[in-house]
Amino acid sequence: MNGDLVTIDEARAALRLDDDFPGMTIQLAVSGASDAVLAYLKRDPYTDEDPPPPNVKQATLLLTGIFIRDPDGVESQTWEQGYLPWAVCNLLHQRRDPAME
């Protein structure tokens, strides 16, 4: 595993992006979302032996979609500082170690 929690193909399908949508844009959004999710969870990257569970993948796809929809980060001004969007946090909350706040 390269550190990304979802593949470009998974993101393209889940977000219903056209085949001609730039792959590099998707890759950057997936990598950024994956990094943000792992940082929020405060855990080491998942591996082939310990793959990300479905709710972590779903949260990554949600955040990837936000990054693609809002490349300038205007929407992020509405997020509480230090937190991801509510829907993403809601999916991840049960997997976050609160003792590491």
PDB file of N, CA and C in Angstrom:
ATOM      1  N   MET A   1       0.844  -1.185   0.000  1.00  0.00           N
ATOM      2  CA  MET A   1       0.000   0.000   0.000  1.00  0.00           C
ATOM      3  C   MET A   1       0.889   1.248   0.000  1.00  0.00           C
ATOM      4  N   ASN A   2       0.501   2.278  -0.734  1.00  0.00           N
ATOM      5  CA  ASN A   2       1.332   3.476  -0.863  1.00  0.00           C
ATOM      6  C   ASN A   2       0.976   4.581   0.127  1.00  0.00           C
ATOM      7  N   GLY A   3       0.070   4.341   1.034  1.00  0.00           N
ATOM      8  CA  GLY A   3      -0.356   5.360   1.984  1.00  0.00           C
ATOM      9  C   GLY A   3      -1.719   5.936   1.660  1.00  0.00           C
ATOM     10  N   ASP A   4      -2.149   5.817   0.405  1.00  0.00           N
ATOM     11  CA  ASP A   4      -3.481   6.286   0.036  1.00  0.00           C
ATOM     12  C   ASP A   4      -4.514   5.256   0.480  1.00  0.00           C
ATOM     13  N   LEU A   5      -5.612   5.731   1.020  1.00  0.00           N
ATOM     14  CA  LEU A   5      -6.636   4.848   1.576  1.00  0.00           C
ATOM     15  C   LEU A   5      -7.631   4.354   0.538  1.00  0.00           C
ATOM     16  N   VAL A   6      -7.690   5.014  -0.598  1.00  0.00           N
ATOM     17  CA  VAL A   6      -8.524   4.579  -1.722  1.00  0.00           C
ATOM     18  C   VAL A   6      -7.717   4.750  -3.002  1.00  0.00           C
ATOM     19  N   THR A   7      -8.115   4.043  -4.034  1.00  0.00           N
ATOM     20  CA  THR A   7      -7.434   4.158  -5.326  1.00  0.00           C
ATOM     21  C   THR A   7      -8.085   5.260  -6.161  1.00  0.00           C
ATOM     22  N   ILE A   8      -7.388   5.661  -7.196  1.00  0.00           N
ATOM     23  CA  ILE A   8      -7.953   6.643  -8.131  1.00  0.00           C
ATOM     24  C   ILE A   8      -9.224   6.085  -8.758  1.00  0.00           C
ATOM     25  N   ASP A   9      -9.204   4.804  -9.118  1.00  0.00           N
ATOM     26  CA  ASP A   9     -10.386   4.189  -9.731  1.00  0.00           C
ATOM     27  C   ASP A   9     -11.567   4.162  -8.764  1.00  0.00           C
ATOM     28  N   GLU A  10     -11.309   3.871  -7.490  1.00  0.00           N
ATOM     29  CA  GLU A  10     -12.387   3.895  -6.494  1.00  0.00           C
ATOM     30  C   GLU A  10     -12.952   5.303  -6.355  1.00  0.00           C
ATOM     31  N   ALA A  11     -12.089   6.291  -6.323  1.00  0.00           N
ATOM     32  CA  ALA A  11     -12.544   7.680  -6.206  1.00  0.00           C
ATOM     33  C   ALA A  11     -13.320   8.101  -7.448  1.00  0.00           C
ATOM     34  N   ARG A  12     -12.803   7.767  -8.614  1.00  0.00           N
ATOM     35  CA  ARG A  12     -13.477   8.132  -9.868  1.00  0.00           C
ATOM     36  C   ARG A  12     -14.888   7.533  -9.901  1.00  0.00           C
ATOM     37  N   ALA A  13     -15.013   6.261  -9.498  1.00  0.00           N
ATOM     38  CA  ALA A  13     -16.323   5.598  -9.516  1.00  0.00           C
ATOM     39  C   ALA A  13     -17.251   6.168  -8.446  1.00  0.00           C
ATOM     40  N   ALA A  14     -16.765   6.300  -7.222  1.00  0.00           N
ATOM     41  CA  ALA A  14     -17.605   6.768  -6.118  1.00  0.00           C
ATOM     42  C   ALA A  14     -18.068   8.206  -6.317  1.00  0.00           C
ATOM     43  N   LEU A  15     -17.203   9.023  -6.893  1.00  0.00           N
ATOM     44  CA  LEU A  15     -17.526  10.442  -7.089  1.00  0.00           C
ATOM     45  C   LEU A  15     -18.152  10.716  -8.448  1.00  0.00           C
ATOM     46  N   ARG A  16     -18.316   9.654  -9.234  1.00  0.00           N
ATOM     47  CA  ARG A  16     -18.931   9.732 -10.569  1.00  0.00           C
ATOM     48  C   ARG A  16     -18.231  10.752 -11.466  1.00  0.00           C
ATOM     49  N   LEU A  17     -16.899  10.642 -11.491  1.00  0.00           N
ATOM     50  CA  LEU A  17     -16.106  11.536 -12.331  1.00  0.00           C
ATOM     51  C   LEU A  17     -15.968  10.937 -13.722  1.00  0.00           C
ATOM     52  N   ASP A  18     -16.025  11.779 -14.729  1.00  0.00           N
ATOM     53  CA  ASP A  18     -15.877  11.323 -16.109  1.00  0.00           C
ATOM     54  C   ASP A  18     -14.484  10.767 -16.347  1.00  0.00           C
ATOM     55  N   ASP A  19     -14.374   9.918 -17.359  1.00  0.00           N
ATOM     56  CA  ASP A  19     -13.082   9.319 -17.702  1.00  0.00           C
ATOM     57  C   ASP A  19     -12.044  10.364 -18.089  1.00  0.00           C
ATOM     58  N   ASP A  20     -12.498  11.507 -18.604  1.00  0.00           N
ATOM     59  CA  ASP A  20     -11.538  12.533 -19.026  1.00  0.00           C
ATOM     60  C   ASP A  20     -11.170  13.507 -17.895  1.00  0.00           C
ATOM     61  N   PHE A  21     -11.727  13.297 -16.691  1.00  0.00           N
ATOM     62  CA  PHE A  21     -11.345  14.133 -15.548  1.00  0.00           C
ATOM     63  C   PHE A  21      -9.887  13.837 -15.223  1.00  0.00           C
ATOM     64  N   PRO A  22      -9.056  14.865 -15.018  1.00  0.00           N
ATOM     65  CA  PRO A  22      -7.610  14.657 -14.852  1.00  0.00           C
ATOM     66  C   PRO A  22      -7.249  13.732 -13.685  1.00  0.00           C
ATOM     67  N   GLY A  23      -6.540  12.675 -14.003  1.00  0.00           N
ATOM     68  CA  GLY A  23      -6.101  11.710 -12.998  1.00  0.00           C
ATOM     69  C   GLY A  23      -5.211  12.331 -11.939  1.00  0.00           C
ATOM     70  N   MET A  24      -4.381  13.296 -12.336  1.00  0.00           N
ATOM     71  CA  MET A  24      -3.487  13.940 -11.373  1.00  0.00           C
ATOM     72  C   MET A  24      -4.282  14.714 -10.324  1.00  0.00           C
ATOM     73  N   THR A  25      -5.371  15.336 -10.729  1.00  0.00           N
ATOM     74  CA  THR A  25      -6.224  16.061  -9.790  1.00  0.00           C
ATOM     75  C   THR A  25      -6.840  15.094  -8.783  1.00  0.00           C
ATOM     76  N   ILE A  26      -7.293  13.949  -9.275  1.00  0.00           N
ATOM     77  CA  ILE A  26      -7.858  12.934  -8.384  1.00  0.00           C
ATOM     78  C   ILE A  26      -6.779  12.421  -7.438  1.00  0.00           C
ATOM     79  N   GLN A  27      -5.592  12.139  -7.973  1.00  0.00           N
ATOM     80  CA  GLN A  27      -4.505  11.601  -7.150  1.00  0.00           C
ATOM     81  C   GLN A  27      -4.129  12.567  -6.027  1.00  0.00           C
ATOM     82  N   LEU A  28      -4.017  13.842  -6.346  1.00  0.00           N
ATOM     83  CA  LEU A  28      -3.682  14.836  -5.323  1.00  0.00           C
ATOM     84  C   LEU A  28      -4.765  14.913  -4.246  1.00  0.00           C
ATOM     85  N   ALA A  29      -6.022  14.861  -4.669  1.00  0.00           N
ATOM     86  CA  ALA A  29      -7.127  14.920  -3.709  1.00  0.00           C
ATOM     87  C   ALA A  29      -7.158  13.667  -2.835  1.00  0.00           C
ATOM     88  N   VAL A  30      -6.942  12.497  -3.436  1.00  0.00           N
ATOM     89  CA  VAL A  30      -6.922  11.238  -2.680  1.00  0.00           C
ATOM     90  C   VAL A  30      -5.773  11.247  -1.677  1.00  0.00           C
ATOM     91  N   SER A  31      -4.599  11.673  -2.113  1.00  0.00           N
ATOM     92  CA  SER A  31      -3.435  11.695  -1.217  1.00  0.00           C
ATOM     93  C   SER A  31      -3.641  12.678  -0.067  1.00  0.00           C
ATOM     94  N   GLY A  32      -4.169  13.854  -0.381  1.00  0.00           N
ATOM     95  CA  GLY A  32      -4.433  14.844   0.662  1.00  0.00           C
ATOM     96  C   GLY A  32      -5.488  14.373   1.646  1.00  0.00           C
ATOM     97  N   ALA A  33      -6.551  13.770   1.127  1.00  0.00           N
ATOM     98  CA  ALA A  33      -7.609  13.259   1.998  1.00  0.00           C
ATOM     99  C   ALA A  33      -7.098  12.111   2.862  1.00  0.00           C
ATOM    100  N   SER A  34      -6.322  11.227   2.266  1.00  0.00           N
ATOM    101  CA  SER A  34      -5.766  10.094   3.017  1.00  0.00           C
ATOM    102  C   SER A  34      -4.879  10.580   4.150  1.00  0.00           C
ATOM    103  N   ASP A  35      -4.034  11.541   3.853  1.00  0.00           N
ATOM    104  CA  ASP A  35      -3.141  12.090   4.874  1.00  0.00           C
ATOM    105  C   ASP A  35      -3.938  12.750   6.002  1.00  0.00           C
ATOM    106  N   ALA A  36      -4.970  13.507   5.637  1.00  0.00           N
ATOM    107  CA  ALA A  36      -5.793  14.187   6.643  1.00  0.00           C
ATOM    108  C   ALA A  36      -6.544  13.183   7.517  1.00  0.00           C
ATOM    109  N   VAL A  37      -7.064  12.129   6.912  1.00  0.00           N
ATOM    110  CA  VAL A  37      -7.791  11.108   7.672  1.00  0.00           C
ATOM    111  C   VAL A  37      -6.851  10.394   8.636  1.00  0.00           C
ATOM    112  N   LEU A  38      -5.679  10.007   8.164  1.00  0.00           N
ATOM    113  CA  LEU A  38      -4.718   9.330   9.043  1.00  0.00           C
ATOM    114  C   LEU A  38      -4.272  10.246  10.184  1.00  0.00           C
ATOM    115  N   ALA A  39      -4.087  11.523   9.888  1.00  0.00           N
ATOM    116  CA  ALA A  39      -3.701  12.475  10.936  1.00  0.00           C
ATOM    117  C   ALA A  39      -4.824  12.617  11.966  1.00  0.00           C
ATOM    118  N   TYR A  40      -6.060  12.678  11.502  1.00  0.00           N
ATOM    119  CA  TYR A  40      -7.197  12.784  12.422  1.00  0.00           C
ATOM    120  C   TYR A  40      -7.297  11.545  13.310  1.00  0.00           C
ATOM    121  N   LEU A  41      -7.069  10.378  12.715  1.00  0.00           N
ATOM    122  CA  LEU A  41      -7.138   9.125  13.476  1.00  0.00           C
ATOM    123  C   LEU A  41      -5.932   8.930  14.386  1.00  0.00           C
ATOM    124  N   LYS A  42      -4.872   9.681  14.114  1.00  0.00           N
ATOM    125  CA  LYS A  42      -3.632   9.589  14.892  1.00  0.00           C
ATOM    126  C   LYS A  42      -3.098   8.157  14.900  1.00  0.00           C
ATOM    127  N   ARG A  43      -2.977   7.607  13.699  1.00  0.00           N
ATOM    128  CA  ARG A  43      -2.498   6.240  13.590  1.00  0.00           C
ATOM    129  C   ARG A  43      -1.513   6.120  12.438  1.00  0.00           C
ATOM    130  N   ASP A  44      -0.771   5.027  12.466  1.00  0.00           N
ATOM    131  CA  ASP A  44       0.141   4.731  11.372  1.00  0.00           C
ATOM    132  C   ASP A  44      -0.676   4.349  10.144  1.00  0.00           C
ATOM    133  N   PRO A  45      -0.073   4.455   8.959  1.00  0.00           N
ATOM    134  CA  PRO A  45      -0.796   4.072   7.741  1.00  0.00           C
ATOM    135  C   PRO A  45      -1.266   2.614   7.788  1.00  0.00           C
ATOM    136  N   TYR A  46      -2.364   2.369   7.107  1.00  0.00           N
ATOM    137  CA  TYR A  46      -2.854   1.001   6.955  1.00  0.00           C
ATOM    138  C   TYR A  46      -1.910   0.250   6.025  1.00  0.00           C
ATOM    139  N   THR A  47      -1.961  -1.065   6.088  1.00  0.00           N
ATOM    140  CA  THR A  47      -1.106  -1.911   5.254  1.00  0.00           C
ATOM    141  C   THR A  47      -1.971  -2.940   4.543  1.00  0.00           C
ATOM    142  N   ASP A  48      -1.341  -3.728   3.675  1.00  0.00           N
ATOM    143  CA  ASP A  48      -2.072  -4.805   3.013  1.00  0.00           C
ATOM    144  C   ASP A  48      -2.575  -5.824   4.037  1.00  0.00           C
ATOM    145  N   GLU A  49      -1.816  -6.011   5.112  1.00  0.00           N
ATOM    146  CA  GLU A  49      -2.212  -6.950   6.166  1.00  0.00           C
ATOM    147  C   GLU A  49      -3.260  -6.343   7.106  1.00  0.00           C
ATOM    148  N   ASP A  50      -3.325  -5.036   7.161  1.00  0.00           N
ATOM    149  CA  ASP A  50      -4.260  -4.299   8.020  1.00  0.00           C
ATOM    150  C   ASP A  50      -4.912  -3.208   7.167  1.00  0.00           C
ATOM    151  N   PRO A  51      -5.833  -3.603   6.257  1.00  0.00           N
ATOM    152  CA  PRO A  51      -6.416  -2.630   5.331  1.00  0.00           C
ATOM    153  C   PRO A  51      -7.404  -1.689   6.025  1.00  0.00           C
ATOM    154  N   PRO A  52      -7.652  -0.533   5.427  1.00  0.00           N
ATOM    155  CA  PRO A  52      -8.609   0.401   6.029  1.00  0.00           C
ATOM    156  C   PRO A  52     -10.017  -0.188   6.020  1.00  0.00           C
ATOM    157  N   PRO A  53     -10.755  -0.033   7.122  1.00  0.00           N
ATOM    158  CA  PRO A  53     -12.137  -0.517   7.161  1.00  0.00           C
ATOM    159  C   PRO A  53     -13.042   0.351   6.283  1.00  0.00           C
ATOM    160  N   PRO A  54     -14.233  -0.154   5.979  1.00  0.00           N
ATOM    161  CA  PRO A  54     -15.129   0.571   5.067  1.00  0.00           C
ATOM    162  C   PRO A  54     -15.439   2.007   5.482  1.00  0.00           C
ATOM    163  N   ASN A  55     -15.643   2.268   6.771  1.00  0.00           N
ATOM    164  CA  ASN A  55     -15.993   3.645   7.151  1.00  0.00           C
ATOM    165  C   ASN A  55     -14.811   4.599   6.983  1.00  0.00           C
ATOM    166  N   VAL A  56     -13.599   4.111   7.096  1.00  0.00           N
ATOM    167  CA  VAL A  56     -12.417   4.947   6.858  1.00  0.00           C
ATOM    168  C   VAL A  56     -12.295   5.242   5.362  1.00  0.00           C
ATOM    169  N   LYS A  57     -12.557   4.241   4.539  1.00  0.00           N
ATOM    170  CA  LYS A  57     -12.531   4.466   3.091  1.00  0.00           C
ATOM    171  C   LYS A  57     -13.625   5.455   2.680  1.00  0.00           C
ATOM    172  N   GLN A  58     -14.825   5.297   3.258  1.00  0.00           N
ATOM    173  CA  GLN A  58     -15.927   6.207   2.935  1.00  0.00           C
ATOM    174  C   GLN A  58     -15.598   7.639   3.348  1.00  0.00           C
ATOM    175  N   ALA A  59     -15.022   7.808   4.515  1.00  0.00           N
ATOM    176  CA  ALA A  59     -14.631   9.145   4.967  1.00  0.00           C
ATOM    177  C   ALA A  59     -13.591   9.750   4.028  1.00  0.00           C
ATOM    178  N   THR A  60     -12.667   8.927   3.567  1.00  0.00           N
ATOM    179  CA  THR A  60     -11.640   9.399   2.633  1.00  0.00           C
ATOM    180  C   THR A  60     -12.271   9.816   1.315  1.00  0.00           C
ATOM    181  N   LEU A  61     -13.239   9.052   0.842  1.00  0.00           N
ATOM    182  CA  LEU A  61     -13.927   9.407  -0.401  1.00  0.00           C
ATOM    183  C   LEU A  61     -14.717  10.704  -0.238  1.00  0.00           C
ATOM    184  N   LEU A  62     -15.383  10.878   0.901  1.00  0.00           N
ATOM    185  CA  LEU A  62     -16.108  12.131   1.148  1.00  0.00           C
ATOM    186  C   LEU A  62     -15.162  13.327   1.109  1.00  0.00           C
ATOM    187  N   LEU A  63     -14.037  13.204   1.787  1.00  0.00           N
ATOM    188  CA  LEU A  63     -13.083  14.308   1.833  1.00  0.00           C
ATOM    189  C   LEU A  63     -12.436  14.534   0.470  1.00  0.00           C
ATOM    190  N   THR A  64     -12.176  13.464  -0.255  1.00  0.00           N
ATOM    191  CA  THR A  64     -11.647  13.599  -1.617  1.00  0.00           C
ATOM    192  C   THR A  64     -12.620  14.398  -2.476  1.00  0.00           C
ATOM    193  N   GLY A  65     -13.905  14.086  -2.366  1.00  0.00           N
ATOM    194  CA  GLY A  65     -14.921  14.817  -3.123  1.00  0.00           C
ATOM    195  C   GLY A  65     -14.962  16.294  -2.762  1.00  0.00           C
ATOM    196  N   ILE A  66     -14.801  16.596  -1.491  1.00  0.00           N
ATOM    197  CA  ILE A  66     -14.773  17.998  -1.052  1.00  0.00           C
ATOM    198  C   ILE A  66     -13.557  18.702  -1.643  1.00  0.00           C
ATOM    199  N   PHE A  67     -12.401  18.048  -1.602  1.00  0.00           N
ATOM    200  CA  PHE A  67     -11.189  18.658  -2.156  1.00  0.00           C
ATOM    201  C   PHE A  67     -11.330  18.917  -3.655  1.00  0.00           C
ATOM    202  N   ILE A  68     -11.986  18.012  -4.366  1.00  0.00           N
ATOM    203  CA  ILE A  68     -12.170  18.195  -5.809  1.00  0.00           C
ATOM    204  C   ILE A  68     -13.197  19.290  -6.081  1.00  0.00           C
ATOM    205  N   ARG A  69     -14.277  19.300  -5.307  1.00  0.00           N
ATOM    206  CA  ARG A  69     -15.338  20.295  -5.504  1.00  0.00           C
ATOM    207  C   ARG A  69     -14.888  21.704  -5.132  1.00  0.00           C
ATOM    208  N   ASP A  70     -13.989  21.806  -4.156  1.00  0.00           N
ATOM    209  CA  ASP A  70     -13.586  23.104  -3.610  1.00  0.00           C
ATOM    210  C   ASP A  70     -12.060  23.212  -3.576  1.00  0.00           C
ATOM    211  N   PRO A  71     -11.423  23.282  -4.747  1.00  0.00           N
ATOM    212  CA  PRO A  71      -9.956  23.266  -4.782  1.00  0.00           C
ATOM    213  C   PRO A  71      -9.300  24.483  -4.133  1.00  0.00           C
ATOM    214  N   ASP A  72     -10.028  25.570  -3.989  1.00  0.00           N
ATOM    215  CA  ASP A  72      -9.458  26.772  -3.377  1.00  0.00           C
ATOM    216  C   ASP A  72      -9.597  26.784  -1.854  1.00  0.00           C
ATOM    217  N   GLY A  73     -10.304  25.819  -1.294  1.00  0.00           N
ATOM    218  CA  GLY A  73     -10.428  25.712   0.156  1.00  0.00           C
ATOM    219  C   GLY A  73     -11.364  26.710   0.801  1.00  0.00           C
ATOM    220  N   VAL A  74     -12.236  27.320   0.017  1.00  0.00           N
ATOM    221  CA  VAL A  74     -13.167  28.304   0.571  1.00  0.00           C
ATOM    222  C   VAL A  74     -14.077  27.648   1.610  1.00  0.00           C
ATOM    223  N   GLU A  75     -14.567  26.459   1.291  1.00  0.00           N
ATOM    224  CA  GLU A  75     -15.485  25.748   2.186  1.00  0.00           C
ATOM    225  C   GLU A  75     -14.824  25.408   3.525  1.00  0.00           C
ATOM    226  N   SER A  76     -13.525  25.214   3.516  1.00  0.00           N
ATOM    227  CA  SER A  76     -12.830  24.808   4.748  1.00  0.00           C
ATOM    228  C   SER A  76     -12.873  25.900   5.820  1.00  0.00           C
ATOM    229  N   GLN A  77     -13.204  27.118   5.431  1.00  0.00           N
ATOM    230  CA  GLN A  77     -13.315  28.200   6.412  1.00  0.00           C
ATOM    231  C   GLN A  77     -14.472  27.973   7.376  1.00  0.00           C
ATOM    232  N   THR A  78     -15.407  27.104   6.999  1.00  0.00           N
ATOM    233  CA  THR A  78     -16.551  26.814   7.866  1.00  0.00           C
ATOM    234  C   THR A  78     -16.272  25.643   8.811  1.00  0.00           C
ATOM    235  N   TRP A  79     -15.150  24.963   8.637  1.00  0.00           N
ATOM    236  CA  TRP A  79     -14.815  23.827   9.506  1.00  0.00           C
ATOM    237  C   TRP A  79     -14.228  24.355  10.807  1.00  0.00           C
ATOM    238  N   GLU A  80     -14.500  23.638  11.885  1.00  0.00           N
ATOM    239  CA  GLU A  80     -13.882  23.988  13.155  1.00  0.00           C
ATOM    240  C   GLU A  80     -12.376  23.762  13.036  1.00  0.00           C
ATOM    241  N   GLN A  81     -11.605  24.713  13.506  1.00  0.00           N
ATOM    242  CA  GLN A  81     -10.152  24.626  13.369  1.00  0.00           C
ATOM    243  C   GLN A  81      -9.624  23.335  13.996  1.00  0.00           C
ATOM    244  N   GLY A  82      -8.812  22.621  13.228  1.00  0.00           N
ATOM    245  CA  GLY A  82      -8.223  21.377  13.705  1.00  0.00           C
ATOM    246  C   GLY A  82      -9.071  20.144  13.444  1.00  0.00           C
ATOM    247  N   TYR A  83     -10.236  20.333  12.832  1.00  0.00           N
ATOM    248  CA  TYR A  83     -11.138  19.216  12.565  1.00  0.00           C
ATOM    249  C   TYR A  83     -11.476  19.147  11.084  1.00  0.00           C
ATOM    250  N   LEU A  84     -11.863  17.977  10.677  1.00  0.00           N
ATOM    251  CA  LEU A  84     -12.339  17.752   9.319  1.00  0.00           C
ATOM    252  C   LEU A  84     -13.830  18.069   9.272  1.00  0.00           C
ATOM    253  N   PRO A  85     -14.438  18.083   8.085  1.00  0.00           N
ATOM    254  CA  PRO A  85     -15.880  18.344   8.007  1.00  0.00           C
ATOM    255  C   PRO A  85     -16.675  17.362   8.873  1.00  0.00           C
ATOM    256  N   TRP A  86     -17.820  17.813   9.340  1.00  0.00           N
ATOM    257  CA  TRP A  86     -18.636  17.040  10.266  1.00  0.00           C
ATOM    258  C   TRP A  86     -18.905  15.625   9.769  1.00  0.00           C
ATOM    259  N   ALA A  87     -19.313  15.465   8.517  1.00  0.00           N
ATOM    260  CA  ALA A  87     -19.648  14.131   7.995  1.00  0.00           C
ATOM    261  C   ALA A  87     -18.444  13.197   8.035  1.00  0.00           C
ATOM    262  N   VAL A  88     -17.266  13.729   7.764  1.00  0.00           N
ATOM    263  CA  VAL A  88     -16.040  12.928   7.796  1.00  0.00           C
ATOM    264  C   VAL A  88     -15.718  12.543   9.240  1.00  0.00           C
ATOM    265  N   CYS A  89     -15.756  13.513  10.143  1.00  0.00           N
ATOM    266  CA  CYS A  89     -15.492  13.231  11.565  1.00  0.00           C
ATOM    267  C   CYS A  89     -16.478  12.217  12.124  1.00  0.00           C
ATOM    268  N   ASN A  90     -17.731  12.321  11.717  1.00  0.00           N
ATOM    269  CA  ASN A  90     -18.752  11.406  12.210  1.00  0.00           C
ATOM    270  C   ASN A  90     -18.430   9.960  11.832  1.00  0.00           C
ATOM    271  N   LEU A  91     -17.939   9.747  10.637  1.00  0.00           N
ATOM    272  CA  LEU A  91     -17.560   8.398  10.210  1.00  0.00           C
ATOM    273  C   LEU A  91     -16.327   7.888  10.949  1.00  0.00           C
ATOM    274  N   LEU A  92     -15.435   8.789  11.295  1.00  0.00           N
ATOM    275  CA  LEU A  92     -14.150   8.389  11.873  1.00  0.00           C
ATOM    276  C   LEU A  92     -14.124   8.378  13.398  1.00  0.00           C
ATOM    277  N   HIS A  93     -15.061   9.040  14.027  1.00  0.00           N
ATOM    278  CA  HIS A  93     -15.007   9.267  15.476  1.00  0.00           C
ATOM    279  C   HIS A  93     -14.775   7.993  16.284  1.00  0.00           C
ATOM    280  N   GLN A  94     -15.470   6.928  15.958  1.00  0.00           N
ATOM    281  CA  GLN A  94     -15.349   5.694  16.743  1.00  0.00           C
ATOM    282  C   GLN A  94     -13.975   5.048  16.632  1.00  0.00           C
ATOM    283  N   ARG A  95     -13.194   5.426  15.620  1.00  0.00           N
ATOM    284  CA  ARG A  95     -11.873   4.831  15.427  1.00  0.00           C
ATOM    285  C   ARG A  95     -10.747   5.720  15.940  1.00  0.00           C
ATOM    286  N   ARG A  96     -11.078   6.911  16.408  1.00  0.00           N
ATOM    287  CA  ARG A  96     -10.050   7.839  16.879  1.00  0.00           C
ATOM    288  C   ARG A  96      -9.720   7.559  18.335  1.00  0.00           C
ATOM    289  N   ASP A  97      -8.457   7.633  18.668  1.00  0.00           N
ATOM    290  CA  ASP A  97      -8.022   7.410  20.046  1.00  0.00           C
ATOM    291  C   ASP A  97      -8.104   8.739  20.796  1.00  0.00           C
ATOM    292  N   PRO A  98      -9.123   8.915  21.657  1.00  0.00           N
ATOM    293  CA  PRO A  98      -9.288  10.202  22.340  1.00  0.00           C
ATOM    294  C   PRO A  98      -8.179  10.499  23.345  1.00  0.00           C
ATOM    295  N   ALA A  99      -7.482   9.483  23.785  1.00  0.00           N
ATOM    296  CA  ALA A  99      -6.410   9.699  24.761  1.00  0.00           C
ATOM    297  C   ALA A  99      -5.228  10.437  24.156  1.00  0.00           C
ATOM    298  N   MET A 100      -5.194  10.525  22.837  1.00  0.00           N
ATOM    299  CA  MET A 100      -4.056  11.157  22.170  1.00  0.00           C
ATOM    300  C   MET A 100      -4.360  12.579  21.741  1.00  0.00           C
ATOM    301  N   GLU A 101      -5.398  13.191  22.266  1.00  0.00           N
ATOM    302  CA  GLU A 101      -5.777  14.559  21.882  1.00  0.00           C
ATOM    303  C   GLU A 101      -4.679  15.533  22.215  1.00  0.00           C
TER     304      GLU A 101
END
